[in-house]
Amino acid sequence: MLNDKARIAVLVSGGGTNLQALIDAQASGVLKSGEIVFVVSNKPDAYALQRARRAGIETTVITGSRTTFESALISTLDRHEIDVIILAGFMKILSADVVSHYPGRIINVHPALIPSFCGEGFYGLKVHEAALARGVKVTGATVHIVNEIADGGPILLQKAVEVYPDDTPETLQKRVMEKAEWILLPRAAEMLSKQIVLEKEKQYD
């Protein structure tokens, strides 16, 4: 019998707030066409792993050089028959080898309105520091398909967030997460999962 849900793996490196948003969205029914079945971290002490285990999701840690890491990642994801890969606070840039293995199946959330403050070197607080230094009045978040160019893949969803005059990088980061990232990422996960389920159904028709 054909599984009626896309199998999702989430790649993490830190606290896992975006992972938690996905777990909550799955529980509430926002994410209904996909199921988070696997969480991979490149950091053994990532708190995101605890969030996953609490939710009953299988986890693994993969470390090593880029080549070693990516080889193990591909074999592990393939073994778990993963359909969708979500980068949620994942602090590694995947090579073209990984991206080409899962074309159009990897999504990432970036804490700015691409094409602003994106690309190599723009991650975490650095994005918000750059936005404040530039004096922008509006920032936000973007969910995009991952390709071989950092933050260069097709945009799926964006949401604007106001910048306040007294913002610090930390307060802005928190607002962008709460008002944009945690909303957009589950929606994008549902969009891609639904698309993949429909593609599978057509294959079996």
N, C-alpha and C. Protein backbone atom coordinates (compact mmCIF):
# COMPACT_ATOMS: atom_id res chain seq x y z
N MET A 1 0.85 -1.20 0.00
CA MET A 1 0.00 0.00 0.00
C MET A 1 0.88 1.24 0.00
N LEU A 2 0.54 2.22 -0.82
CA LEU A 2 1.33 3.44 -0.94
C LEU A 2 1.17 4.31 0.30
N ASN A 3 2.30 4.73 0.88
CA ASN A 3 2.26 5.65 2.02
C ASN A 3 1.68 6.97 1.55
N ASP A 4 0.66 7.47 2.26
CA ASP A 4 0.00 8.69 1.82
C ASP A 4 0.65 9.95 2.37
N LYS A 5 1.80 9.81 3.00
CA LYS A 5 2.52 10.98 3.51
C LYS A 5 3.96 10.97 3.03
N ALA A 6 4.48 12.18 2.76
CA ALA A 6 5.89 12.31 2.41
C ALA A 6 6.73 12.11 3.67
N ARG A 7 7.85 11.43 3.54
CA ARG A 7 8.73 11.17 4.67
C ARG A 7 9.75 12.32 4.77
N ILE A 8 9.74 13.00 5.91
CA ILE A 8 10.54 14.21 6.10
C ILE A 8 11.71 13.95 7.05
N ALA A 9 12.89 14.43 6.66
CA ALA A 9 14.05 14.48 7.56
C ALA A 9 14.38 15.95 7.81
N VAL A 10 14.68 16.28 9.06
CA VAL A 10 15.05 17.64 9.42
C VAL A 10 16.51 17.64 9.86
N LEU A 11 17.30 18.54 9.26
CA LEU A 11 18.72 18.67 9.61
C LEU A 11 18.90 19.86 10.54
N VAL A 12 19.59 19.64 11.66
CA VAL A 12 19.70 20.65 12.72
C VAL A 12 21.15 20.76 13.20
N SER A 13 21.41 21.89 13.87
CA SER A 13 22.74 22.08 14.48
C SER A 13 22.66 22.65 15.88
N GLY A 14 21.52 23.24 16.25
CA GLY A 14 21.46 23.96 17.52
C GLY A 14 20.24 23.67 18.36
N GLY A 15 19.59 24.75 18.80
CA GLY A 15 18.50 24.64 19.77
C GLY A 15 17.24 23.99 19.25
N GLY A 16 16.99 24.12 17.96
CA GLY A 16 15.86 23.42 17.36
C GLY A 16 14.52 24.11 17.49
N THR A 17 14.51 25.45 17.54
CA THR A 17 13.22 26.15 17.63
C THR A 17 12.40 25.97 16.35
N ASN A 18 13.06 25.97 15.20
CA ASN A 18 12.34 25.73 13.95
C ASN A 18 11.86 24.29 13.86
N LEU A 19 12.66 23.37 14.37
CA LEU A 19 12.22 21.96 14.44
C LEU A 19 10.97 21.87 15.31
N GLN A 20 10.97 22.57 16.43
CA GLN A 20 9.80 22.53 17.33
C GLN A 20 8.57 23.09 16.63
N ALA A 21 8.75 24.14 15.83
CA ALA A 21 7.63 24.71 15.07
C ALA A 21 7.06 23.67 14.11
N LEU A 22 7.94 22.88 13.50
CA LEU A 22 7.50 21.82 12.59
C LEU A 22 6.78 20.70 13.34
N ILE A 23 7.32 20.32 14.49
CA ILE A 23 6.69 19.29 15.31
C ILE A 23 5.29 19.74 15.76
N ASP A 24 5.19 21.00 16.19
CA ASP A 24 3.91 21.55 16.62
C ASP A 24 2.93 21.63 15.46
N ALA A 25 3.43 21.98 14.28
CA ALA A 25 2.57 22.08 13.09
C ALA A 25 2.04 20.71 12.69
N GLN A 26 2.86 19.70 12.88
CA GLN A 26 2.42 18.34 12.58
C GLN A 26 1.33 17.92 13.56
N ALA A 27 1.51 18.27 14.82
CA ALA A 27 0.52 17.92 15.85
C ALA A 27 -0.81 18.65 15.64
N SER A 28 -0.74 19.88 15.14
CA SER A 28 -1.96 20.70 14.98
C SER A 28 -2.65 20.47 13.63
N GLY A 29 -1.97 19.78 12.72
CA GLY A 29 -2.58 19.51 11.43
C GLY A 29 -2.21 20.48 10.33
N VAL A 30 -1.38 21.47 10.63
CA VAL A 30 -0.90 22.38 9.58
C VAL A 30 -0.02 21.60 8.60
N LEU A 31 0.82 20.74 9.15
CA LEU A 31 1.64 19.83 8.34
C LEU A 31 0.94 18.48 8.35
N LYS A 32 0.22 18.17 7.27
CA LYS A 32 -0.58 16.95 7.23
C LYS A 32 -0.21 16.02 6.07
N SER A 33 0.48 16.57 5.05
CA SER A 33 0.85 15.74 3.89
C SER A 33 2.22 15.10 4.07
N GLY A 34 2.92 15.50 5.12
CA GLY A 34 4.24 14.93 5.41
C GLY A 34 4.36 14.55 6.87
N GLU A 35 5.31 13.68 7.14
CA GLU A 35 5.55 13.24 8.52
C GLU A 35 7.05 13.30 8.80
N ILE A 36 7.40 13.95 9.91
CA ILE A 36 8.81 14.03 10.31
C ILE A 36 9.20 12.67 10.89
N VAL A 37 10.07 11.96 10.18
CA VAL A 37 10.43 10.61 10.62
C VAL A 37 11.88 10.51 11.09
N PHE A 38 12.66 11.59 10.86
CA PHE A 38 14.09 11.47 11.13
C PHE A 38 14.68 12.86 11.35
N VAL A 39 15.55 13.00 12.35
CA VAL A 39 16.27 14.24 12.61
C VAL A 39 17.76 13.95 12.64
N VAL A 40 18.52 14.71 11.87
CA VAL A 40 19.97 14.53 11.78
C VAL A 40 20.66 15.79 12.29
N SER A 41 21.65 15.62 13.15
CA SER A 41 22.44 16.75 13.63
C SER A 41 23.93 16.52 13.35
N ASN A 42 24.63 17.61 13.05
CA ASN A 42 26.08 17.53 12.93
C ASN A 42 26.76 17.90 14.24
N LYS A 43 25.95 18.16 15.28
CA LYS A 43 26.47 18.51 16.61
C LYS A 43 25.88 17.56 17.64
N PRO A 44 26.72 16.77 18.32
CA PRO A 44 26.19 15.80 19.28
C PRO A 44 25.42 16.43 20.43
N ASP A 45 25.75 17.70 20.78
CA ASP A 45 25.11 18.34 21.93
C ASP A 45 23.96 19.26 21.54
N ALA A 46 23.50 19.19 20.30
CA ALA A 46 22.40 20.06 19.85
C ALA A 46 21.13 19.75 20.65
N TYR A 47 20.54 20.78 21.23
CA TYR A 47 19.32 20.60 22.02
C TYR A 47 18.16 20.12 21.14
N ALA A 48 18.25 20.41 19.85
CA ALA A 48 17.22 19.95 18.91
C ALA A 48 17.03 18.44 18.99
N LEU A 49 18.09 17.70 19.27
CA LEU A 49 17.99 16.24 19.38
C LEU A 49 17.06 15.83 20.51
N GLN A 50 17.12 16.58 21.62
CA GLN A 50 16.22 16.29 22.74
C GLN A 50 14.77 16.57 22.36
N ARG A 51 14.55 17.66 21.61
CA ARG A 51 13.19 17.98 21.17
C ARG A 51 12.63 16.84 20.31
N ALA A 52 13.48 16.34 19.41
CA ALA A 52 13.04 15.26 18.53
C ALA A 52 12.72 14.00 19.33
N ARG A 53 13.60 13.64 20.26
CA ARG A 53 13.38 12.42 21.05
C ARG A 53 12.11 12.52 21.89
N ARG A 54 11.85 13.71 22.44
CA ARG A 54 10.63 13.91 23.22
C ARG A 54 9.39 13.67 22.36
N ALA A 55 9.52 14.00 21.07
CA ALA A 55 8.39 13.83 20.15
C ALA A 55 8.35 12.42 19.54
N GLY A 56 9.27 11.57 19.98
CA GLY A 56 9.29 10.19 19.48
C GLY A 56 9.86 10.04 18.08
N ILE A 57 10.70 11.00 17.68
CA ILE A 57 11.28 10.98 16.34
C ILE A 57 12.69 10.40 16.41
N GLU A 58 13.01 9.50 15.50
CA GLU A 58 14.34 8.89 15.46
C GLU A 58 15.40 9.96 15.16
N THR A 59 16.55 9.86 15.80
CA THR A 59 17.63 10.83 15.60
C THR A 59 18.95 10.13 15.32
N THR A 60 19.86 10.89 14.72
CA THR A 60 21.23 10.42 14.57
C THR A 60 22.15 11.63 14.51
N VAL A 61 23.42 11.40 14.84
CA VAL A 61 24.45 12.44 14.75
C VAL A 61 25.48 11.99 13.73
N ILE A 62 25.80 12.88 12.79
CA ILE A 62 26.83 12.59 11.79
C ILE A 62 27.87 13.69 11.85
N THR A 63 29.12 13.32 12.05
CA THR A 63 30.21 14.30 12.11
C THR A 63 31.28 13.92 11.08
N GLY A 64 32.39 14.64 11.14
CA GLY A 64 33.49 14.33 10.24
C GLY A 64 33.71 15.40 9.19
N SER A 65 34.66 15.16 8.31
CA SER A 65 34.97 16.10 7.24
C SER A 65 33.76 16.24 6.31
N ARG A 66 33.80 17.24 5.43
CA ARG A 66 32.68 17.47 4.53
C ARG A 66 32.36 16.22 3.69
N THR A 67 33.41 15.62 3.14
CA THR A 67 33.21 14.44 2.30
C THR A 67 32.62 13.28 3.10
N THR A 68 33.19 13.04 4.28
CA THR A 68 32.72 11.96 5.15
C THR A 68 31.29 12.21 5.58
N PHE A 69 31.02 13.46 6.00
CA PHE A 69 29.69 13.82 6.47
C PHE A 69 28.65 13.62 5.37
N GLU A 70 28.93 14.15 4.19
CA GLU A 70 27.93 14.11 3.12
C GLU A 70 27.70 12.69 2.60
N SER A 71 28.74 11.90 2.54
CA SER A 71 28.59 10.50 2.12
C SER A 71 27.69 9.74 3.10
N ALA A 72 27.95 9.95 4.40
CA ALA A 72 27.14 9.28 5.43
C ALA A 72 25.72 9.82 5.43
N LEU A 73 25.57 11.12 5.20
CA LEU A 73 24.23 11.73 5.17
C LEU A 73 23.38 11.14 4.05
N ILE A 74 23.93 11.09 2.85
CA ILE A 74 23.18 10.56 1.70
C ILE A 74 22.77 9.11 1.94
N SER A 75 23.70 8.29 2.40
CA SER A 75 23.38 6.87 2.60
C SER A 75 22.33 6.69 3.70
N THR A 76 22.42 7.52 4.75
CA THR A 76 21.45 7.44 5.85
C THR A 76 20.06 7.88 5.40
N LEU A 77 19.99 9.00 4.68
CA LEU A 77 18.69 9.50 4.21
C LEU A 77 18.06 8.54 3.22
N ASP A 78 18.86 7.98 2.34
CA ASP A 78 18.34 7.01 1.37
C ASP A 78 17.82 5.75 2.06
N ARG A 79 18.55 5.33 3.08
CA ARG A 79 18.13 4.13 3.82
C ARG A 79 16.77 4.35 4.50
N HIS A 80 16.51 5.60 4.90
CA HIS A 80 15.24 5.93 5.54
C HIS A 80 14.17 6.35 4.53
N GLU A 81 14.49 6.25 3.24
CA GLU A 81 13.55 6.57 2.16
C GLU A 81 12.94 7.95 2.33
N ILE A 82 13.82 8.94 2.55
CA ILE A 82 13.38 10.31 2.80
C ILE A 82 12.95 10.99 1.50
N ASP A 83 11.80 11.68 1.57
CA ASP A 83 11.27 12.41 0.42
C ASP A 83 11.61 13.90 0.47
N VAL A 84 11.56 14.47 1.67
CA VAL A 84 11.75 15.91 1.86
C VAL A 84 12.82 16.13 2.93
N ILE A 85 13.73 17.06 2.66
CA ILE A 85 14.78 17.41 3.63
C ILE A 85 14.61 18.88 3.99
N ILE A 86 14.52 19.15 5.29
CA ILE A 86 14.34 20.52 5.76
C ILE A 86 15.56 20.93 6.57
N LEU A 87 16.18 22.03 6.16
CA LEU A 87 17.30 22.59 6.92
C LEU A 87 16.72 23.57 7.93
N ALA A 88 16.85 23.25 9.21
CA ALA A 88 16.25 24.07 10.26
C ALA A 88 17.34 24.47 11.26
N GLY A 89 17.98 25.60 11.00
CA GLY A 89 19.11 25.99 11.83
C GLY A 89 20.29 25.07 11.64
N PHE A 90 20.46 24.61 10.41
CA PHE A 90 21.56 23.69 10.09
C PHE A 90 22.74 24.51 9.59
N MET A 91 23.87 24.42 10.29
CA MET A 91 24.99 25.32 10.06
C MET A 91 26.06 24.77 9.12
N LYS A 92 25.63 24.00 8.15
CA LYS A 92 26.56 23.54 7.12
C LYS A 92 25.95 23.87 5.76
N ILE A 93 26.80 24.23 4.80
CA ILE A 93 26.32 24.42 3.44
C ILE A 93 26.53 23.12 2.69
N LEU A 94 25.45 22.59 2.15
CA LEU A 94 25.53 21.31 1.44
C LEU A 94 26.12 21.51 0.05
N SER A 95 26.94 20.58 -0.37
CA SER A 95 27.58 20.67 -1.67
C SER A 95 26.60 20.33 -2.79
N ALA A 96 27.05 20.58 -4.01
CA ALA A 96 26.24 20.25 -5.19
C ALA A 96 25.97 18.76 -5.27
N ASP A 97 26.85 17.95 -4.72
CA ASP A 97 26.65 16.49 -4.74
C ASP A 97 25.37 16.10 -3.99
N VAL A 98 25.18 16.71 -2.81
CA VAL A 98 23.98 16.40 -2.02
C VAL A 98 22.74 17.00 -2.69
N VAL A 99 22.85 18.26 -3.10
CA VAL A 99 21.71 18.95 -3.70
C VAL A 99 21.22 18.22 -4.95
N SER A 100 22.14 17.77 -5.78
CA SER A 100 21.76 17.10 -7.03
C SER A 100 21.17 15.71 -6.77
N HIS A 101 21.48 15.14 -5.61
CA HIS A 101 20.93 13.84 -5.25
C HIS A 101 19.45 13.95 -4.87
N TYR A 102 19.06 15.14 -4.38
CA TYR A 102 17.67 15.38 -3.98
C TYR A 102 17.14 16.65 -4.65
N PRO A 103 17.08 16.67 -5.98
CA PRO A 103 16.71 17.90 -6.68
C PRO A 103 15.30 18.37 -6.35
N GLY A 104 15.20 19.62 -5.91
CA GLY A 104 13.91 20.20 -5.58
C GLY A 104 13.27 19.66 -4.32
N ARG A 105 14.05 18.88 -3.54
CA ARG A 105 13.48 18.21 -2.35
C ARG A 105 14.03 18.78 -1.04
N ILE A 106 14.95 19.75 -1.11
CA ILE A 106 15.55 20.31 0.10
C ILE A 106 15.08 21.76 0.24
N ILE A 107 14.57 22.12 1.45
CA ILE A 107 14.19 23.50 1.69
C ILE A 107 14.94 24.05 2.90
N ASN A 108 15.10 25.38 2.88
CA ASN A 108 15.82 26.06 3.94
C ASN A 108 15.05 27.32 4.32
N VAL A 109 15.11 27.70 5.59
CA VAL A 109 14.54 28.97 6.02
C VAL A 109 15.70 29.92 6.30
N HIS A 110 15.63 31.12 5.70
CA HIS A 110 16.67 32.13 5.89
C HIS A 110 16.05 33.34 6.58
N PRO A 111 16.72 33.90 7.62
CA PRO A 111 16.11 34.97 8.41
C PRO A 111 16.26 36.37 7.81
N ALA A 112 15.93 36.50 6.54
CA ALA A 112 15.90 37.80 5.87
C ALA A 112 15.06 37.65 4.61
N LEU A 113 14.75 38.78 3.99
CA LEU A 113 14.00 38.76 2.74
C LEU A 113 14.98 38.66 1.59
N ILE A 114 15.25 37.44 1.14
CA ILE A 114 16.16 37.22 0.01
C ILE A 114 15.64 38.03 -1.18
N PRO A 115 16.50 38.79 -1.89
CA PRO A 115 17.95 38.69 -1.96
C PRO A 115 18.73 39.57 -0.99
N SER A 116 18.09 40.15 0.01
CA SER A 116 18.83 40.95 0.98
C SER A 116 19.52 40.06 2.02
N PHE A 117 20.73 40.43 2.42
CA PHE A 117 21.45 39.82 3.54
C PHE A 117 21.46 38.30 3.45
N CYS A 118 21.92 37.79 2.33
CA CYS A 118 21.95 36.34 2.15
C CYS A 118 23.24 35.92 1.44
N GLY A 119 23.43 34.62 1.32
CA GLY A 119 24.63 34.09 0.69
C GLY A 119 25.67 33.69 1.71
N GLU A 120 26.86 33.38 1.23
CA GLU A 120 27.94 32.91 2.11
C GLU A 120 28.22 33.93 3.20
N GLY A 121 28.32 33.45 4.44
CA GLY A 121 28.67 34.31 5.56
C GLY A 121 27.48 34.93 6.27
N PHE A 122 26.30 34.86 5.66
CA PHE A 122 25.11 35.42 6.30
C PHE A 122 24.30 34.30 6.95
N TYR A 123 24.44 34.18 8.27
CA TYR A 123 23.70 33.17 9.01
C TYR A 123 23.53 33.64 10.45
N GLY A 124 22.51 33.11 11.13
CA GLY A 124 22.29 33.44 12.54
C GLY A 124 22.20 34.94 12.79
N LEU A 125 22.83 35.37 13.87
CA LEU A 125 22.78 36.77 14.26
C LEU A 125 23.44 37.69 13.25
N LYS A 126 24.37 37.17 12.46
CA LYS A 126 25.06 38.00 11.47
C LYS A 126 24.07 38.64 10.49
N VAL A 127 23.00 37.92 10.17
CA VAL A 127 21.98 38.45 9.26
C VAL A 127 21.31 39.67 9.88
N HIS A 128 20.95 39.57 11.14
CA HIS A 128 20.24 40.66 11.82
C HIS A 128 21.17 41.83 12.11
N GLU A 129 22.41 41.54 12.41
CA GLU A 129 23.41 42.60 12.59
C GLU A 129 23.55 43.41 11.31
N ALA A 130 23.58 42.71 10.18
CA ALA A 130 23.73 43.39 8.88
C ALA A 130 22.49 44.23 8.56
N ALA A 131 21.32 43.70 8.88
CA ALA A 131 20.08 44.43 8.62
C ALA A 131 20.01 45.71 9.44
N LEU A 132 20.40 45.63 10.70
CA LEU A 132 20.38 46.82 11.56
C LEU A 132 21.45 47.82 11.14
N ALA A 133 22.61 47.32 10.74
CA ALA A 133 23.69 48.21 10.28
C ALA A 133 23.28 48.98 9.03
N ARG A 134 22.48 48.33 8.19
CA ARG A 134 22.03 48.97 6.95
C ARG A 134 20.89 49.93 7.19
N GLY A 135 20.22 49.79 8.34
CA GLY A 135 19.14 50.70 8.68
C GLY A 135 17.81 50.38 8.03
N VAL A 136 17.59 49.11 7.64
CA VAL A 136 16.32 48.76 7.00
C VAL A 136 15.17 48.90 8.00
N LYS A 137 14.00 49.22 7.48
CA LYS A 137 12.81 49.37 8.32
C LYS A 137 11.96 48.10 8.33
N VAL A 138 12.20 47.25 7.34
CA VAL A 138 11.48 45.98 7.23
C VAL A 138 12.47 44.87 6.91
N THR A 139 12.34 43.77 7.62
CA THR A 139 13.11 42.57 7.29
C THR A 139 12.12 41.42 7.23
N GLY A 140 12.54 40.20 7.51
CA GLY A 140 11.60 39.09 7.46
C GLY A 140 12.30 37.77 7.33
N ALA A 141 11.62 36.81 6.72
CA ALA A 141 12.19 35.49 6.51
C ALA A 141 11.75 34.95 5.15
N THR A 142 12.56 34.03 4.64
CA THR A 142 12.32 33.42 3.34
C THR A 142 12.51 31.91 3.45
N VAL A 143 11.60 31.16 2.87
CA VAL A 143 11.82 29.72 2.70
C VAL A 143 12.05 29.48 1.21
N HIS A 144 13.13 28.79 0.90
CA HIS A 144 13.49 28.58 -0.49
C HIS A 144 13.96 27.14 -0.72
N ILE A 145 13.86 26.73 -1.97
CA ILE A 145 14.44 25.45 -2.38
C ILE A 145 15.96 25.61 -2.38
N VAL A 146 16.65 24.61 -1.90
CA VAL A 146 18.12 24.66 -1.84
C VAL A 146 18.70 24.18 -3.16
N ASN A 147 19.60 25.00 -3.72
CA ASN A 147 20.38 24.55 -4.89
C ASN A 147 21.86 24.71 -4.57
N GLU A 148 22.71 24.67 -5.61
CA GLU A 148 24.16 24.68 -5.36
C GLU A 148 24.69 26.05 -4.96
N ILE A 149 23.85 27.10 -5.03
CA ILE A 149 24.26 28.45 -4.64
C ILE A 149 23.66 28.77 -3.27
N ALA A 150 24.48 29.23 -2.33
CA ALA A 150 24.00 29.53 -0.98
C ALA A 150 22.86 30.55 -1.03
N ASP A 151 21.69 30.16 -0.53
CA ASP A 151 20.48 31.00 -0.52
C ASP A 151 20.05 31.41 -1.92
N GLY A 152 20.42 30.62 -2.92
CA GLY A 152 20.15 31.00 -4.30
C GLY A 152 19.02 30.29 -4.99
N GLY A 153 18.38 29.33 -4.31
CA GLY A 153 17.33 28.54 -4.94
C GLY A 153 16.01 29.27 -5.03
N PRO A 154 15.06 28.73 -5.78
CA PRO A 154 13.76 29.35 -5.96
C PRO A 154 13.05 29.62 -4.62
N ILE A 155 12.43 30.79 -4.52
CA ILE A 155 11.73 31.19 -3.29
C ILE A 155 10.35 30.56 -3.26
N LEU A 156 9.99 29.96 -2.13
CA LEU A 156 8.65 29.39 -1.93
C LEU A 156 7.74 30.37 -1.21
N LEU A 157 8.21 30.91 -0.10
CA LEU A 157 7.39 31.81 0.73
C LEU A 157 8.27 32.88 1.36
N GLN A 158 7.68 34.07 1.55
CA GLN A 158 8.35 35.14 2.29
C GLN A 158 7.33 35.83 3.19
N LYS A 159 7.83 36.39 4.29
CA LYS A 159 6.97 37.16 5.19
C LYS A 159 7.78 38.32 5.77
N ALA A 160 7.20 39.50 5.70
CA ALA A 160 7.89 40.70 6.19
C ALA A 160 7.67 40.88 7.69
N VAL A 161 8.67 41.45 8.34
CA VAL A 161 8.62 41.74 9.78
C VAL A 161 9.18 43.15 10.00
N GLU A 162 8.48 43.92 10.79
CA GLU A 162 8.90 45.30 11.04
C GLU A 162 10.15 45.34 11.92
N VAL A 163 11.03 46.31 11.64
CA VAL A 163 12.21 46.56 12.47
C VAL A 163 11.91 47.75 13.36
N TYR A 164 12.15 47.62 14.65
CA TYR A 164 11.88 48.71 15.60
C TYR A 164 13.15 49.54 15.81
N PRO A 165 12.99 50.83 16.13
CA PRO A 165 14.16 51.72 16.30
C PRO A 165 15.12 51.25 17.40
N ASP A 166 14.60 50.59 18.44
CA ASP A 166 15.46 50.18 19.55
C ASP A 166 15.87 48.72 19.47
N ASP A 167 15.71 48.11 18.30
CA ASP A 167 16.06 46.70 18.15
C ASP A 167 17.56 46.45 18.34
N THR A 168 17.84 45.29 18.92
CA THR A 168 19.19 44.73 18.93
C THR A 168 19.15 43.52 18.00
N PRO A 169 20.30 42.99 17.60
CA PRO A 169 20.26 41.76 16.78
C PRO A 169 19.46 40.64 17.45
N GLU A 170 19.55 40.58 18.77
CA GLU A 170 18.86 39.50 19.50
C GLU A 170 17.34 39.69 19.50
N THR A 171 16.88 40.93 19.73
CA THR A 171 15.42 41.15 19.74
C THR A 171 14.85 40.98 18.34
N LEU A 172 15.60 41.41 17.34
CA LEU A 172 15.14 41.27 15.96
C LEU A 172 15.09 39.79 15.55
N GLN A 173 16.11 39.05 15.95
CA GLN A 173 16.13 37.61 15.66
C GLN A 173 14.90 36.92 16.24
N LYS A 174 14.57 37.25 17.48
CA LYS A 174 13.43 36.63 18.15
C LYS A 174 12.12 36.97 17.43
N ARG A 175 11.96 38.23 17.02
CA ARG A 175 10.72 38.64 16.34
C ARG A 175 10.59 37.97 14.98
N VAL A 176 11.70 37.88 14.24
CA VAL A 176 11.67 37.25 12.93
C VAL A 176 11.32 35.77 13.05
N MET A 177 11.86 35.12 14.06
CA MET A 177 11.52 33.71 14.28
C MET A 177 10.03 33.56 14.58
N GLU A 178 9.54 34.34 15.55
CA GLU A 178 8.16 34.19 16.00
C GLU A 178 7.14 34.61 14.95
N LYS A 179 7.43 35.71 14.25
CA LYS A 179 6.45 36.30 13.31
C LYS A 179 6.57 35.75 11.89
N ALA A 180 7.70 35.12 11.57
CA ALA A 180 7.89 34.69 10.19
C ALA A 180 8.38 33.24 10.07
N GLU A 181 9.55 32.94 10.63
CA GLU A 181 10.15 31.61 10.41
C GLU A 181 9.24 30.48 10.87
N TRP A 182 8.70 30.59 12.08
CA TRP A 182 7.90 29.50 12.65
C TRP A 182 6.57 29.34 11.94
N ILE A 183 6.16 30.34 11.19
CA ILE A 183 4.91 30.28 10.41
C ILE A 183 5.19 29.74 9.01
N LEU A 184 6.23 30.28 8.38
CA LEU A 184 6.53 29.94 6.99
C LEU A 184 7.04 28.52 6.80
N LEU A 185 7.92 28.08 7.69
CA LEU A 185 8.57 26.78 7.47
C LEU A 185 7.57 25.62 7.45
N PRO A 186 6.63 25.55 8.40
CA PRO A 186 5.63 24.48 8.32
C PRO A 186 4.76 24.58 7.06
N ARG A 187 4.42 25.80 6.65
CA ARG A 187 3.61 25.97 5.44
C ARG A 187 4.36 25.46 4.21
N ALA A 188 5.64 25.80 4.13
CA ALA A 188 6.45 25.35 2.99
C ALA A 188 6.63 23.84 3.02
N ALA A 189 6.80 23.29 4.22
CA ALA A 189 6.94 21.83 4.35
C ALA A 189 5.67 21.14 3.85
N GLU A 190 4.52 21.70 4.17
CA GLU A 190 3.25 21.14 3.71
C GLU A 190 3.13 21.26 2.18
N MET A 191 3.51 22.41 1.64
CA MET A 191 3.45 22.62 0.19
C MET A 191 4.26 21.57 -0.56
N LEU A 192 5.51 21.39 -0.13
CA LEU A 192 6.40 20.45 -0.83
C LEU A 192 5.96 19.01 -0.60
N SER A 193 5.54 18.70 0.61
CA SER A 193 5.08 17.34 0.91
C SER A 193 3.85 16.98 0.08
N LYS A 194 2.93 17.91 -0.02
CA LYS A 194 1.71 17.68 -0.81
C LYS A 194 2.05 17.43 -2.28
N GLN A 195 2.98 18.22 -2.79
CA GLN A 195 3.42 18.08 -4.18
C GLN A 195 4.01 16.69 -4.42
N ILE A 196 4.84 16.24 -3.49
CA ILE A 196 5.50 14.94 -3.64
C ILE A 196 4.49 13.79 -3.54
N VAL A 197 3.53 13.91 -2.62
CA VAL A 197 2.49 12.89 -2.50
C VAL A 197 1.70 12.78 -3.80
N LEU A 198 1.35 13.91 -4.39
CA LEU A 198 0.61 13.92 -5.66
C LEU A 198 1.44 13.28 -6.78
N GLU A 199 2.74 13.57 -6.80
CA GLU A 199 3.62 12.98 -7.80
C GLU A 199 3.67 11.45 -7.66
N LYS A 200 3.73 10.99 -6.41
CA LYS A 200 3.76 9.55 -6.17
C LYS A 200 2.45 8.88 -6.61
N GLU A 201 1.34 9.56 -6.33
CA GLU A 201 0.03 9.01 -6.71
C GLU A 201 -0.06 8.85 -8.23
N LYS A 202 0.46 9.84 -8.97
CA LYS A 202 0.43 9.78 -10.43
C LYS A 202 1.25 8.60 -10.95
N GLN A 203 2.38 8.34 -10.28
CA GLN A 203 3.24 7.23 -10.69
C GLN A 203 2.53 5.88 -10.53
N TYR A 204 1.65 5.81 -9.54
CA TYR A 204 0.99 4.54 -9.24
C TYR A 204 -0.39 4.41 -9.87
N ASP A 205 -0.81 5.48 -10.56
CA ASP A 205 -2.12 5.43 -11.24
C ASP A 205 -2.08 4.47 -12.44
